[in-house]
Amino acid sequence: MAEKERSALEGKRIVITRRAPESEALSRQFSALGAVPVILPLVEFADPDDFTALDAASTTSIARRDVLPSVVSSIVRAWQLRQSPQRDVR
């Protein structure tokens, strides 16, 4: 019987700094590869107290593609705010 091939991550500790709700799936994937995930959520997102800067960015920089958010949850939340009937961000 062939010996199971070892993963390069076998026994390595991997620190996951994503928000807690987003850490679990990634943690399971690393565990499946033999790694030892350590969940340390260092980032939490909240809506701003003042939307002026977000409104300006959404109508100028993002439209011109000068700004490209790289965090999926930021993109999703910006889209939700843009679609919100309570907010006119155009």
C-alpha atoms as a PDB file:
ATOM      1  CA  MET A   1       0.000   0.000   0.000  1.00  0.00           C
ATOM      2  CA  ALA A   2       1.331   3.447  -0.933  1.00  0.00           C
ATOM      3  CA  GLU A   3       2.248   5.845   1.846  1.00  0.00           C
ATOM      4  CA  LYS A   4       0.092   8.985   2.053  1.00  0.00           C
ATOM      5  CA  GLU A   5       1.954  11.976   0.622  1.00  0.00           C
ATOM      6  CA  ARG A   6       2.709  14.617   3.246  1.00  0.00           C
ATOM      7  CA  SER A   7       1.522  18.161   2.712  1.00  0.00           C
ATOM      8  CA  ALA A   8       4.058  20.975   2.849  1.00  0.00           C
ATOM      9  CA  LEU A   9       1.786  22.452   5.535  1.00  0.00           C
ATOM     10  CA  GLU A  10       1.833  19.339   7.728  1.00  0.00           C
ATOM     11  CA  GLY A  11       2.212  20.453  11.358  1.00  0.00           C
ATOM     12  CA  LYS A  12       2.730  24.114  10.476  1.00  0.00           C
ATOM     13  CA  ARG A  13       0.845  26.739  12.474  1.00  0.00           C
ATOM     14  CA  ILE A  14      -1.103  29.118  10.258  1.00  0.00           C
ATOM     15  CA  VAL A  15      -2.439  32.313  11.840  1.00  0.00           C
ATOM     16  CA  ILE A  16      -5.762  33.349  10.326  1.00  0.00           C
ATOM     17  CA  THR A  17      -6.466  37.041  10.930  1.00  0.00           C
ATOM     18  CA  ARG A  18      -9.804  37.271   9.128  1.00  0.00           C
ATOM     19  CA  ARG A  19     -13.016  38.145  10.919  1.00  0.00           C
ATOM     20  CA  ALA A  20     -14.275  35.233  13.001  1.00  0.00           C
ATOM     21  CA  PRO A  21     -17.251  34.365  10.724  1.00  0.00           C
ATOM     22  CA  GLU A  22     -14.906  34.120   7.740  1.00  0.00           C
ATOM     23  CA  SER A  23     -12.212  32.133   9.549  1.00  0.00           C
ATOM     24  CA  GLU A  24     -13.984  28.825  10.019  1.00  0.00           C
ATOM     25  CA  ALA A  25     -14.030  27.620   6.393  1.00  0.00           C
ATOM     26  CA  LEU A  26     -10.399  28.604   5.866  1.00  0.00           C
ATOM     27  CA  SER A  27      -9.464  26.927   9.130  1.00  0.00           C
ATOM     28  CA  ARG A  28     -11.093  23.673   7.987  1.00  0.00           C
ATOM     29  CA  GLN A  29      -9.217  23.822   4.669  1.00  0.00           C
ATOM     30  CA  PHE A  30      -5.861  24.283   6.399  1.00  0.00           C
ATOM     31  CA  SER A  31      -6.672  21.482   8.847  1.00  0.00           C
ATOM     32  CA  ALA A  32      -7.457  19.163   5.947  1.00  0.00           C
ATOM     33  CA  LEU A  33      -3.947  19.880   4.617  1.00  0.00           C
ATOM     34  CA  GLY A  34      -2.406  18.949   7.970  1.00  0.00           C
ATOM     35  CA  ALA A  35      -1.808  22.475   9.216  1.00  0.00           C
ATOM     36  CA  VAL A  36      -2.677  23.724  12.690  1.00  0.00           C
ATOM     37  CA  PRO A  37      -4.856  26.811  12.226  1.00  0.00           C
ATOM     38  CA  VAL A  38      -4.772  29.533  14.870  1.00  0.00           C
ATOM     39  CA  ILE A  39      -7.742  31.886  14.575  1.00  0.00           C
ATOM     40  CA  LEU A  40      -6.830  35.427  15.630  1.00  0.00           C
ATOM     41  CA  PRO A  41      -9.439  37.860  14.266  1.00  0.00           C
ATOM     42  CA  LEU A  42      -7.687  41.214  14.006  1.00  0.00           C
ATOM     43  CA  VAL A  43     -10.130  42.986  11.714  1.00  0.00           C
ATOM     44  CA  GLU A  44     -13.715  44.058  12.301  1.00  0.00           C
ATOM     45  CA  PHE A  45     -15.721  46.203   9.923  1.00  0.00           C
ATOM     46  CA  ALA A  46     -18.309  48.827  10.788  1.00  0.00           C
ATOM     47  CA  ASP A  47     -20.206  51.448   8.863  1.00  0.00           C
ATOM     48  CA  PRO A  48     -18.707  54.932   9.153  1.00  0.00           C
ATOM     49  CA  ASP A  49     -20.309  57.583  11.348  1.00  0.00           C
ATOM     50  CA  ASP A  50     -20.165  59.961   8.376  1.00  0.00           C
ATOM     51  CA  PHE A  51     -20.733  58.659   4.835  1.00  0.00           C
ATOM     52  CA  THR A  52     -19.371  61.764   3.071  1.00  0.00           C
ATOM     53  CA  ALA A  53     -16.023  60.214   2.098  1.00  0.00           C
ATOM     54  CA  LEU A  54     -17.646  56.937   1.024  1.00  0.00           C
ATOM     55  CA  ASP A  55     -20.206  58.807  -1.073  1.00  0.00           C
ATOM     56  CA  ALA A  56     -17.474  60.834  -2.776  1.00  0.00           C
ATOM     57  CA  ALA A  57     -15.359  57.746  -3.442  1.00  0.00           C
ATOM     58  CA  SER A  58     -18.267  55.741  -4.810  1.00  0.00           C
ATOM     59  CA  THR A  59     -19.172  58.448  -7.308  1.00  0.00           C
ATOM     60  CA  THR A  60     -15.635  59.316  -8.400  1.00  0.00           C
ATOM     61  CA  SER A  61     -12.703  57.035  -7.646  1.00  0.00           C
ATOM     62  CA  ILE A  62     -14.495  53.690  -7.798  1.00  0.00           C
ATOM     63  CA  ALA A  63     -16.399  54.702 -10.922  1.00  0.00           C
ATOM     64  CA  ARG A  64     -13.087  55.620 -12.588  1.00  0.00           C
ATOM     65  CA  ARG A  65     -11.513  52.437 -11.189  1.00  0.00           C
ATOM     66  CA  ASP A  66      -8.902  54.423  -9.252  1.00  0.00           C
ATOM     67  CA  VAL A  67      -9.823  52.499  -6.115  1.00  0.00           C
ATOM     68  CA  LEU A  68     -10.245  48.746  -6.015  1.00  0.00           C
ATOM     69  CA  PRO A  69     -11.166  47.303  -2.612  1.00  0.00           C
ATOM     70  CA  SER A  70      -9.392  44.005  -1.994  1.00  0.00           C
ATOM     71  CA  VAL A  71     -11.389  42.635   0.933  1.00  0.00           C
ATOM     72  CA  VAL A  72     -14.480  40.752  -0.183  1.00  0.00           C
ATOM     73  CA  SER A  73     -16.551  41.814   2.809  1.00  0.00           C
ATOM     74  CA  SER A  74     -15.734  45.471   2.056  1.00  0.00           C
ATOM     75  CA  ILE A  75     -16.906  45.075  -1.528  1.00  0.00           C
ATOM     76  CA  VAL A  76     -20.117  43.346  -0.429  1.00  0.00           C
ATOM     77  CA  ARG A  77     -20.900  46.007   2.202  1.00  0.00           C
ATOM     78  CA  ALA A  78     -20.197  48.885  -0.220  1.00  0.00           C
ATOM     79  CA  TRP A  79     -22.545  47.260  -2.741  1.00  0.00           C
ATOM     80  CA  GLN A  80     -25.239  46.804  -0.076  1.00  0.00           C
ATOM     81  CA  LEU A  81     -24.975  50.465   0.906  1.00  0.00           C
ATOM     82  CA  ARG A  82     -25.112  51.505  -2.742  1.00  0.00           C
ATOM     83  CA  GLN A  83     -28.301  49.466  -3.250  1.00  0.00           C
ATOM     84  CA  SER A  84     -29.940  50.681  -0.037  1.00  0.00           C
ATOM     85  CA  PRO A  85     -33.157  52.627  -0.699  1.00  0.00           C
ATOM     86  CA  GLN A  86     -32.492  54.717   2.441  1.00  0.00           C
ATOM     87  CA  ARG A  87     -29.221  56.070   1.011  1.00  0.00           C
ATOM     88  CA  ASP A  88     -28.696  57.996  -2.196  1.00  0.00           C
ATOM     89  CA  VAL A  89     -24.999  57.596  -2.991  1.00  0.00           C
ATOM     90  CA  ARG A  90     -25.144  58.701  -6.616  1.00  0.00           C
END
